[in-house]
Amino acid sequence: MSGFNATNLVESRIPYEYDGENFEGYFVYDSSCEMPLTVILINHNWDGADGYEEWRAKLIANECYAAFVVSVYNASVPTGEALPIP
């Protein structure tokens, strides 16, 4: 997938804790934009945060917003494509 300019993107994984559980989010912004930036929160669907949410965050960052992908599953829960329904 493409559609964004990665030249000035600054990306980082942000570990955080809530109610004794460990989580990891994804933060991205475009360093060429005037600061301060408005932060857009992105929540994933039922299969967890993956490349799609990160791609959307990069698109948003190119529009001079900061984007943070929130994970509602703790860091030990695998994410990705769902198994087919039998």
PDB file of N, CA and C in Angstrom:
ATOM      1  N   MET A   1       0.845  -1.178   0.000  1.00  0.00           N
ATOM      2  CA  MET A   1       0.000   0.000   0.000  1.00  0.00           C
ATOM      3  C   MET A   1       0.883   1.231   0.000  1.00  0.00           C
ATOM      4  N   SER A   2       0.402   2.253  -0.624  1.00  0.00           N
ATOM      5  CA  SER A   2       1.144   3.504  -0.664  1.00  0.00           C
ATOM      6  C   SER A   2       0.158   4.639  -0.475  1.00  0.00           C
ATOM      7  N   GLY A   3       0.446   5.767  -1.072  1.00  0.00           N
ATOM      8  CA  GLY A   3      -0.453   6.896  -0.965  1.00  0.00           C
ATOM      9  C   GLY A   3       0.028   7.973  -0.010  1.00  0.00           C
ATOM     10  N   PHE A   4       1.179   7.757   0.627  1.00  0.00           N
ATOM     11  CA  PHE A   4       1.707   8.760   1.540  1.00  0.00           C
ATOM     12  C   PHE A   4       3.169   9.017   1.199  1.00  0.00           C
ATOM     13  N   ASN A   5       3.667  10.163   1.640  1.00  0.00           N
ATOM     14  CA  ASN A   5       5.059  10.534   1.448  1.00  0.00           C
ATOM     15  C   ASN A   5       5.785  10.277   2.765  1.00  0.00           C
ATOM     16  N   ALA A   6       6.685   9.316   2.787  1.00  0.00           N
ATOM     17  CA  ALA A   6       7.359   8.916   4.019  1.00  0.00           C
ATOM     18  C   ALA A   6       8.609   9.731   4.329  1.00  0.00           C
ATOM     19  N   THR A   7       8.945  10.697   3.468  1.00  0.00           N
ATOM     20  CA  THR A   7      10.201  11.433   3.606  1.00  0.00           C
ATOM     21  C   THR A   7      10.388  12.051   4.981  1.00  0.00           C
ATOM     22  N   ASN A   8       9.370  12.736   5.508  1.00  0.00           N
ATOM     23  CA  ASN A   8       9.505  13.456   6.777  1.00  0.00           C
ATOM     24  C   ASN A   8       8.746  12.805   7.926  1.00  0.00           C
ATOM     25  N   LEU A   9       8.295  11.578   7.738  1.00  0.00           N
ATOM     26  CA  LEU A   9       7.526  10.934   8.796  1.00  0.00           C
ATOM     27  C   LEU A   9       8.440  10.468   9.928  1.00  0.00           C
ATOM     28  N   VAL A  10       7.993  10.739  11.138  1.00  0.00           N
ATOM     29  CA  VAL A  10       8.687  10.288  12.344  1.00  0.00           C
ATOM     30  C   VAL A  10       7.756   9.280  13.011  1.00  0.00           C
ATOM     31  N   GLU A  11       8.219   8.036  13.138  1.00  0.00           N
ATOM     32  CA  GLU A  11       7.385   6.947  13.655  1.00  0.00           C
ATOM     33  C   GLU A  11       7.989   6.402  14.948  1.00  0.00           C
ATOM     34  N   SER A  12       7.119   5.979  15.859  1.00  0.00           N
ATOM     35  CA  SER A  12       7.608   5.323  17.071  1.00  0.00           C
ATOM     36  C   SER A  12       6.536   4.419  17.658  1.00  0.00           C
ATOM     37  N   ARG A  13       6.991   3.385  18.312  1.00  0.00           N
ATOM     38  CA  ARG A  13       6.119   2.479  19.065  1.00  0.00           C
ATOM     39  C   ARG A  13       6.101   2.993  20.498  1.00  0.00           C
ATOM     40  N   ILE A  14       4.916   3.113  21.062  1.00  0.00           N
ATOM     41  CA  ILE A  14       4.764   3.675  22.395  1.00  0.00           C
ATOM     42  C   ILE A  14       4.186   2.609  23.327  1.00  0.00           C
ATOM     43  N   PRO A  15       4.989   2.094  24.257  1.00  0.00           N
ATOM     44  CA  PRO A  15       4.431   1.154  25.232  1.00  0.00           C
ATOM     45  C   PRO A  15       3.667   1.928  26.305  1.00  0.00           C
ATOM     46  N   TYR A  16       2.559   1.387  26.747  1.00  0.00           N
ATOM     47  CA  TYR A  16       1.810   2.012  27.836  1.00  0.00           C
ATOM     48  C   TYR A  16       1.121   0.940  28.659  1.00  0.00           C
ATOM     49  N   GLU A  17       0.704   1.322  29.851  1.00  0.00           N
ATOM     50  CA  GLU A  17       0.084   0.382  30.782  1.00  0.00           C
ATOM     51  C   GLU A  17      -1.274   0.921  31.204  1.00  0.00           C
ATOM     52  N   TYR A  18      -2.232   0.024  31.306  1.00  0.00           N
ATOM     53  CA  TYR A  18      -3.551   0.376  31.810  1.00  0.00           C
ATOM     54  C   TYR A  18      -4.076  -0.783  32.643  1.00  0.00           C
ATOM     55  N   ASP A  19      -4.481  -0.484  33.856  1.00  0.00           N
ATOM     56  CA  ASP A  19      -5.078  -1.476  34.748  1.00  0.00           C
ATOM     57  C   ASP A  19      -4.206  -2.729  34.883  1.00  0.00           C
ATOM     58  N   GLY A  20      -2.894  -2.518  34.970  1.00  0.00           N
ATOM     59  CA  GLY A  20      -1.964  -3.617  35.157  1.00  0.00           C
ATOM     60  C   GLY A  20      -1.613  -4.404  33.902  1.00  0.00           C
ATOM     61  N   GLU A  21      -2.157  -4.035  32.760  1.00  0.00           N
ATOM     62  CA  GLU A  21      -1.877  -4.715  31.487  1.00  0.00           C
ATOM     63  C   GLU A  21      -0.941  -3.849  30.641  1.00  0.00           C
ATOM     64  N   ASN A  22      -0.070  -4.475  29.868  1.00  0.00           N
ATOM     65  CA  ASN A  22       0.854  -3.764  28.976  1.00  0.00           C
ATOM     66  C   ASN A  22       0.296  -3.726  27.563  1.00  0.00           C
ATOM     67  N   PHE A  23       0.392  -2.564  26.942  1.00  0.00           N
ATOM     68  CA  PHE A  23      -0.095  -2.337  25.584  1.00  0.00           C
ATOM     69  C   PHE A  23       0.996  -1.653  24.774  1.00  0.00           C
ATOM     70  N   GLU A  24       0.824  -1.650  23.465  1.00  0.00           N
ATOM     71  CA  GLU A  24       1.760  -0.932  22.605  1.00  0.00           C
ATOM     72  C   GLU A  24       0.981  -0.210  21.518  1.00  0.00           C
ATOM     73  N   GLY A  25       1.198   1.090  21.405  1.00  0.00           N
ATOM     74  CA  GLY A  25       0.572   1.894  20.366  1.00  0.00           C
ATOM     75  C   GLY A  25       1.599   2.301  19.322  1.00  0.00           C
ATOM     76  N   TYR A  26       1.108   2.931  18.279  1.00  0.00           N
ATOM     77  CA  TYR A  26       1.958   3.383  17.173  1.00  0.00           C
ATOM     78  C   TYR A  26       1.691   4.871  16.967  1.00  0.00           C
ATOM     79  N   PHE A  27       2.753   5.696  16.979  1.00  0.00           N
ATOM     80  CA  PHE A  27       2.627   7.140  16.853  1.00  0.00           C
ATOM     81  C   PHE A  27       3.408   7.600  15.637  1.00  0.00           C
ATOM     82  N   VAL A  28       2.825   8.511  14.859  1.00  0.00           N
ATOM     83  CA  VAL A  28       3.505   9.032  13.673  1.00  0.00           C
ATOM     84  C   VAL A  28       3.098  10.491  13.447  1.00  0.00           C
ATOM     85  N   TYR A  29       4.067  11.290  12.968  1.00  0.00           N
ATOM     86  CA  TYR A  29       3.790  12.669  12.565  1.00  0.00           C
ATOM     87  C   TYR A  29       4.777  13.062  11.472  1.00  0.00           C
ATOM     88  N   ASP A  30       4.465  14.141  10.789  1.00  0.00           N
ATOM     89  CA  ASP A  30       5.305  14.663   9.716  1.00  0.00           C
ATOM     90  C   ASP A  30       6.120  15.822  10.276  1.00  0.00           C
ATOM     91  N   SER A  31       7.428  15.685  10.317  1.00  0.00           N
ATOM     92  CA  SER A  31       8.292  16.710  10.923  1.00  0.00           C
ATOM     93  C   SER A  31       8.341  18.015  10.129  1.00  0.00           C
ATOM     94  N   SER A  32       7.854  18.012   8.896  1.00  0.00           N
ATOM     95  CA  SER A  32       7.867  19.242   8.100  1.00  0.00           C
ATOM     96  C   SER A  32       6.656  20.128   8.370  1.00  0.00           C
ATOM     97  N   CYS A  33       5.709  19.653   9.186  1.00  0.00           N
ATOM     98  CA  CYS A  33       4.507  20.422   9.500  1.00  0.00           C
ATOM     99  C   CYS A  33       4.767  21.357  10.670  1.00  0.00           C
ATOM    100  N   GLU A  34       4.023  22.461  10.680  1.00  0.00           N
ATOM    101  CA  GLU A  34       4.151  23.429  11.759  1.00  0.00           C
ATOM    102  C   GLU A  34       3.595  22.848  13.055  1.00  0.00           C
ATOM    103  N   MET A  35       4.358  22.985  14.121  1.00  0.00           N
ATOM    104  CA  MET A  35       3.950  22.466  15.425  1.00  0.00           C
ATOM    105  C   MET A  35       3.184  23.547  16.183  1.00  0.00           C
ATOM    106  N   PRO A  36       2.308  23.237  17.105  1.00  0.00           N
ATOM    107  CA  PRO A  36       1.902  21.911  17.545  1.00  0.00           C
ATOM    108  C   PRO A  36       0.875  21.308  16.589  1.00  0.00           C
ATOM    109  N   LEU A  37       0.786  19.993  16.599  1.00  0.00           N
ATOM    110  CA  LEU A  37      -0.139  19.274  15.730  1.00  0.00           C
ATOM    111  C   LEU A  37      -1.313  18.733  16.536  1.00  0.00           C
ATOM    112  N   THR A  38      -2.460  18.666  15.909  1.00  0.00           N
ATOM    113  CA  THR A  38      -3.615  17.989  16.494  1.00  0.00           C
ATOM    114  C   THR A  38      -3.382  16.490  16.381  1.00  0.00           C
ATOM    115  N   VAL A  39      -3.708  15.748  17.436  1.00  0.00           N
ATOM    116  CA  VAL A  39      -3.523  14.301  17.433  1.00  0.00           C
ATOM    117  C   VAL A  39      -4.847  13.610  17.128  1.00  0.00           C
ATOM    118  N   ILE A  40      -4.815  12.726  16.154  1.00  0.00           N
ATOM    119  CA  ILE A  40      -5.966  11.905  15.785  1.00  0.00           C
ATOM    120  C   ILE A  40      -5.741  10.506  16.353  1.00  0.00           C
ATOM    121  N   LEU A  41      -6.712   9.999  17.111  1.00  0.00           N
ATOM    122  CA  LEU A  41      -6.626   8.641  17.643  1.00  0.00           C
ATOM    123  C   LEU A  41      -7.286   7.678  16.669  1.00  0.00           C
ATOM    124  N   ILE A  42      -6.632   6.577  16.396  1.00  0.00           N
ATOM    125  CA  ILE A  42      -7.156   5.559  15.492  1.00  0.00           C
ATOM    126  C   ILE A  42      -7.338   4.271  16.292  1.00  0.00           C
ATOM    127  N   ASN A  43      -8.535   3.737  16.264  1.00  0.00           N
ATOM    128  CA  ASN A  43      -8.812   2.472  16.934  1.00  0.00           C
ATOM    129  C   ASN A  43      -8.960   1.392  15.866  1.00  0.00           C
ATOM    130  N   HIS A  44      -8.488   0.212  16.167  1.00  0.00           N
ATOM    131  CA  HIS A  44      -8.538  -0.888  15.213  1.00  0.00           C
ATOM    132  C   HIS A  44      -9.868  -1.620  15.302  1.00  0.00           C
ATOM    133  N   ASN A  45     -10.106  -2.516  14.348  1.00  0.00           N
ATOM    134  CA  ASN A  45     -11.295  -3.372  14.417  1.00  0.00           C
ATOM    135  C   ASN A  45     -10.958  -4.616  15.238  1.00  0.00           C
ATOM    136  N   TRP A  46     -11.785  -5.625  15.177  1.00  0.00           N
ATOM    137  CA  TRP A  46     -11.667  -6.781  16.065  1.00  0.00           C
ATOM    138  C   TRP A  46     -10.394  -7.592  15.901  1.00  0.00           C
ATOM    139  N   ASP A  47      -9.708  -7.481  14.760  1.00  0.00           N
ATOM    140  CA  ASP A  47      -8.509  -8.307  14.563  1.00  0.00           C
ATOM    141  C   ASP A  47      -7.226  -7.647  15.060  1.00  0.00           C
ATOM    142  N   GLY A  48      -7.330  -6.521  15.704  1.00  0.00           N
ATOM    143  CA  GLY A  48      -6.164  -5.877  16.304  1.00  0.00           C
ATOM    144  C   GLY A  48      -5.481  -4.873  15.393  1.00  0.00           C
ATOM    145  N   ALA A  49      -4.572  -4.115  15.976  1.00  0.00           N
ATOM    146  CA  ALA A  49      -3.817  -3.107  15.233  1.00  0.00           C
ATOM    147  C   ALA A  49      -2.770  -3.798  14.377  1.00  0.00           C
ATOM    148  N   ASP A  50      -2.752  -3.451  13.096  1.00  0.00           N
ATOM    149  CA  ASP A  50      -1.777  -4.057  12.188  1.00  0.00           C
ATOM    150  C   ASP A  50      -1.378  -3.035  11.131  1.00  0.00           C
ATOM    151  N   GLY A  51      -0.878  -3.516  10.023  1.00  0.00           N
ATOM    152  CA  GLY A  51      -0.378  -2.636   8.971  1.00  0.00           C
ATOM    153  C   GLY A  51      -1.412  -1.682   8.401  1.00  0.00           C
ATOM    154  N   TYR A  52      -2.678  -2.083   8.380  1.00  0.00           N
ATOM    155  CA  TYR A  52      -3.708  -1.207   7.818  1.00  0.00           C
ATOM    156  C   TYR A  52      -3.853   0.061   8.650  1.00  0.00           C
ATOM    157  N   GLU A  53      -3.940  -0.088   9.964  1.00  0.00           N
ATOM    158  CA  GLU A  53      -4.082   1.093  10.818  1.00  0.00           C
ATOM    159  C   GLU A  53      -2.841   1.980  10.747  1.00  0.00           C
ATOM    160  N   GLU A  54      -1.673   1.367  10.641  1.00  0.00           N
ATOM    161  CA  GLU A  54      -0.452   2.152  10.509  1.00  0.00           C
ATOM    162  C   GLU A  54      -0.420   2.901   9.181  1.00  0.00           C
ATOM    163  N   TRP A  55      -0.890   2.278   8.124  1.00  0.00           N
ATOM    164  CA  TRP A  55      -0.978   2.934   6.816  1.00  0.00           C
ATOM    165  C   TRP A  55      -1.915   4.140   6.897  1.00  0.00           C
ATOM    166  N   ARG A  56      -3.071   3.964   7.527  1.00  0.00           N
ATOM    167  CA  ARG A  56      -4.022   5.080   7.692  1.00  0.00           C
ATOM    168  C   ARG A  56      -3.394   6.208   8.516  1.00  0.00           C
ATOM    169  N   ALA A  57      -2.644   5.850   9.545  1.00  0.00           N
ATOM    170  CA  ALA A  57      -1.982   6.853  10.382  1.00  0.00           C
ATOM    171  C   ALA A  57      -0.984   7.668   9.564  1.00  0.00           C
ATOM    172  N   LYS A  58      -0.258   7.013   8.666  1.00  0.00           N
ATOM    173  CA  LYS A  58       0.711   7.720   7.819  1.00  0.00           C
ATOM    174  C   LYS A  58      -0.001   8.664   6.857  1.00  0.00           C
ATOM    175  N   LEU A  59      -1.134   8.236   6.322  1.00  0.00           N
ATOM    176  CA  LEU A  59      -1.918   9.131   5.458  1.00  0.00           C
ATOM    177  C   LEU A  59      -2.347  10.377   6.219  1.00  0.00           C
ATOM    178  N   ILE A  60      -2.818  10.179   7.432  1.00  0.00           N
ATOM    179  CA  ILE A  60      -3.261  11.295   8.276  1.00  0.00           C
ATOM    180  C   ILE A  60      -2.084  12.205   8.617  1.00  0.00           C
ATOM    181  N   ALA A  61      -0.928  11.620   8.919  1.00  0.00           N
ATOM    182  CA  ALA A  61       0.256  12.412   9.245  1.00  0.00           C
ATOM    183  C   ALA A  61       0.666  13.303   8.081  1.00  0.00           C
ATOM    184  N   ASN A  62       0.493  12.846   6.858  1.00  0.00           N
ATOM    185  CA  ASN A  62       0.811  13.663   5.685  1.00  0.00           C
ATOM    186  C   ASN A  62      -0.102  14.866   5.538  1.00  0.00           C
ATOM    187  N   GLU A  63      -1.211  14.871   6.249  1.00  0.00           N
ATOM    188  CA  GLU A  63      -2.138  16.015   6.224  1.00  0.00           C
ATOM    189  C   GLU A  63      -1.869  16.974   7.386  1.00  0.00           C
ATOM    190  N   CYS A  64      -0.696  16.856   7.995  1.00  0.00           N
ATOM    191  CA  CYS A  64      -0.242  17.704   9.111  1.00  0.00           C
ATOM    192  C   CYS A  64      -1.041  17.506  10.395  1.00  0.00           C
ATOM    193  N   TYR A  65      -1.359  16.258  10.649  1.00  0.00           N
ATOM    194  CA  TYR A  65      -1.869  15.845  11.949  1.00  0.00           C
ATOM    195  C   TYR A  65      -0.877  14.826  12.502  1.00  0.00           C
ATOM    196  N   ALA A  66      -0.891  14.650  13.808  1.00  0.00           N
ATOM    197  CA  ALA A  66      -0.187  13.513  14.406  1.00  0.00           C
ATOM    198  C   ALA A  66      -1.230  12.414  14.542  1.00  0.00           C
ATOM    199  N   ALA A  67      -0.814  11.164  14.471  1.00  0.00           N
ATOM    200  CA  ALA A  67      -1.757  10.054  14.580  1.00  0.00           C
ATOM    201  C   ALA A  67      -1.216   9.022  15.566  1.00  0.00           C
ATOM    202  N   PHE A  68      -2.114   8.526  16.400  1.00  0.00           N
ATOM    203  CA  PHE A  68      -1.764   7.490  17.362  1.00  0.00           C
ATOM    204  C   PHE A  68      -2.727   6.338  17.203  1.00  0.00           C
ATOM    205  N   VAL A  69      -2.184   5.150  16.904  1.00  0.00           N
ATOM    206  CA  VAL A  69      -2.989   3.936  16.781  1.00  0.00           C
ATOM    207  C   VAL A  69      -3.053   3.287  18.156  1.00  0.00           C
ATOM    208  N   VAL A  70      -4.250   3.246  18.713  1.00  0.00           N
ATOM    209  CA  VAL A  70      -4.483   2.682  20.033  1.00  0.00           C
ATOM    210  C   VAL A  70      -4.698   1.178  19.888  1.00  0.00           C
ATOM    211  N   SER A  71      -4.127   0.407  20.796  1.00  0.00           N
ATOM    212  CA  SER A  71      -4.379  -1.028  20.823  1.00  0.00           C
ATOM    213  C   SER A  71      -5.227  -1.351  22.037  1.00  0.00           C
ATOM    214  N   VAL A  72      -6.349  -2.036  21.831  1.00  0.00           N
ATOM    215  CA  VAL A  72      -7.188  -2.425  22.964  1.00  0.00           C
ATOM    216  C   VAL A  72      -6.862  -3.830  23.451  1.00  0.00           C
ATOM    217  N   TYR A  73      -5.993  -4.531  22.730  1.00  0.00           N
ATOM    218  CA  TYR A  73      -5.536  -5.846  23.173  1.00  0.00           C
ATOM    219  C   TYR A  73      -4.184  -5.670  23.829  1.00  0.00           C
ATOM    220  N   ASN A  74      -3.942  -6.425  24.903  1.00  0.00           N
ATOM    221  CA  ASN A  74      -2.640  -6.259  25.547  1.00  0.00           C
ATOM    222  C   ASN A  74      -1.541  -6.792  24.638  1.00  0.00           C
ATOM    223  N   ALA A  75      -0.322  -6.452  24.974  1.00  0.00           N
ATOM    224  CA  ALA A  75       0.816  -6.723  24.100  1.00  0.00           C
ATOM    225  C   ALA A  75       1.052  -8.209  23.855  1.00  0.00           C
ATOM    226  N   SER A  76       0.499  -9.085  24.690  1.00  0.00           N
ATOM    227  CA  SER A  76       0.728 -10.516  24.502  1.00  0.00           C
ATOM    228  C   SER A  76      -0.285 -11.163  23.559  1.00  0.00           C
ATOM    229  N   VAL A  77      -1.304 -10.417  23.118  1.00  0.00           N
ATOM    230  CA  VAL A  77      -2.322 -10.970  22.221  1.00  0.00           C
ATOM    231  C   VAL A  77      -1.858 -10.791  20.777  1.00  0.00           C
ATOM    232  N   PRO A  78      -1.717 -11.882  20.003  1.00  0.00           N
ATOM    233  CA  PRO A  78      -1.310 -11.742  18.602  1.00  0.00           C
ATOM    234  C   PRO A  78      -2.416 -11.080  17.785  1.00  0.00           C
ATOM    235  N   THR A  79      -2.018 -10.306  16.786  1.00  0.00           N
ATOM    236  CA  THR A  79      -2.984  -9.650  15.910  1.00  0.00           C
ATOM    237  C   THR A  79      -2.717 -10.063  14.478  1.00  0.00           C
ATOM    238  N   GLY A  80      -3.644  -9.756  13.619  1.00  0.00           N
ATOM    239  CA  GLY A  80      -3.460 -10.081  12.213  1.00  0.00           C
ATOM    240  C   GLY A  80      -4.744 -10.616  11.611  1.00  0.00           C
ATOM    241  N   GLU A  81      -4.608 -11.319  10.520  1.00  0.00           N
ATOM    242  CA  GLU A  81      -5.784 -11.814   9.821  1.00  0.00           C
ATOM    243  C   GLU A  81      -6.538 -12.841  10.648  1.00  0.00           C
ATOM    244  N   ALA A  82      -7.840 -12.809  10.515  1.00  0.00           N
ATOM    245  CA  ALA A  82      -8.686 -13.749  11.255  1.00  0.00           C
ATOM    246  C   ALA A  82      -8.657 -15.122  10.605  1.00  0.00           C
ATOM    247  N   LEU A  83      -8.911 -16.120  11.409  1.00  0.00           N
ATOM    248  CA  LEU A  83      -9.037 -17.483  10.884  1.00  0.00           C
ATOM    249  C   LEU A  83     -10.384 -17.613  10.182  1.00  0.00           C
ATOM    250  N   PRO A  84     -10.485 -18.427   9.140  1.00  0.00           N
ATOM    251  CA  PRO A  84     -11.745 -18.596   8.454  1.00  0.00           C
ATOM    252  C   PRO A  84     -12.783 -19.277   9.350  1.00  0.00           C
ATOM    253  N   ILE A  85     -14.022 -18.918   9.171  1.00  0.00           N
ATOM    254  CA  ILE A  85     -15.103 -19.525   9.929  1.00  0.00           C
ATOM    255  C   ILE A  85     -15.410 -20.889   9.304  1.00  0.00           C
ATOM    256  N   PRO A  86     -15.437 -21.964  10.139  1.00  0.00           N
ATOM    257  CA  PRO A  86     -15.670 -23.301   9.574  1.00  0.00           C
ATOM    258  C   PRO A  86     -17.084 -23.459   9.036  1.00  0.00           C
TER     259      PRO A  86
END
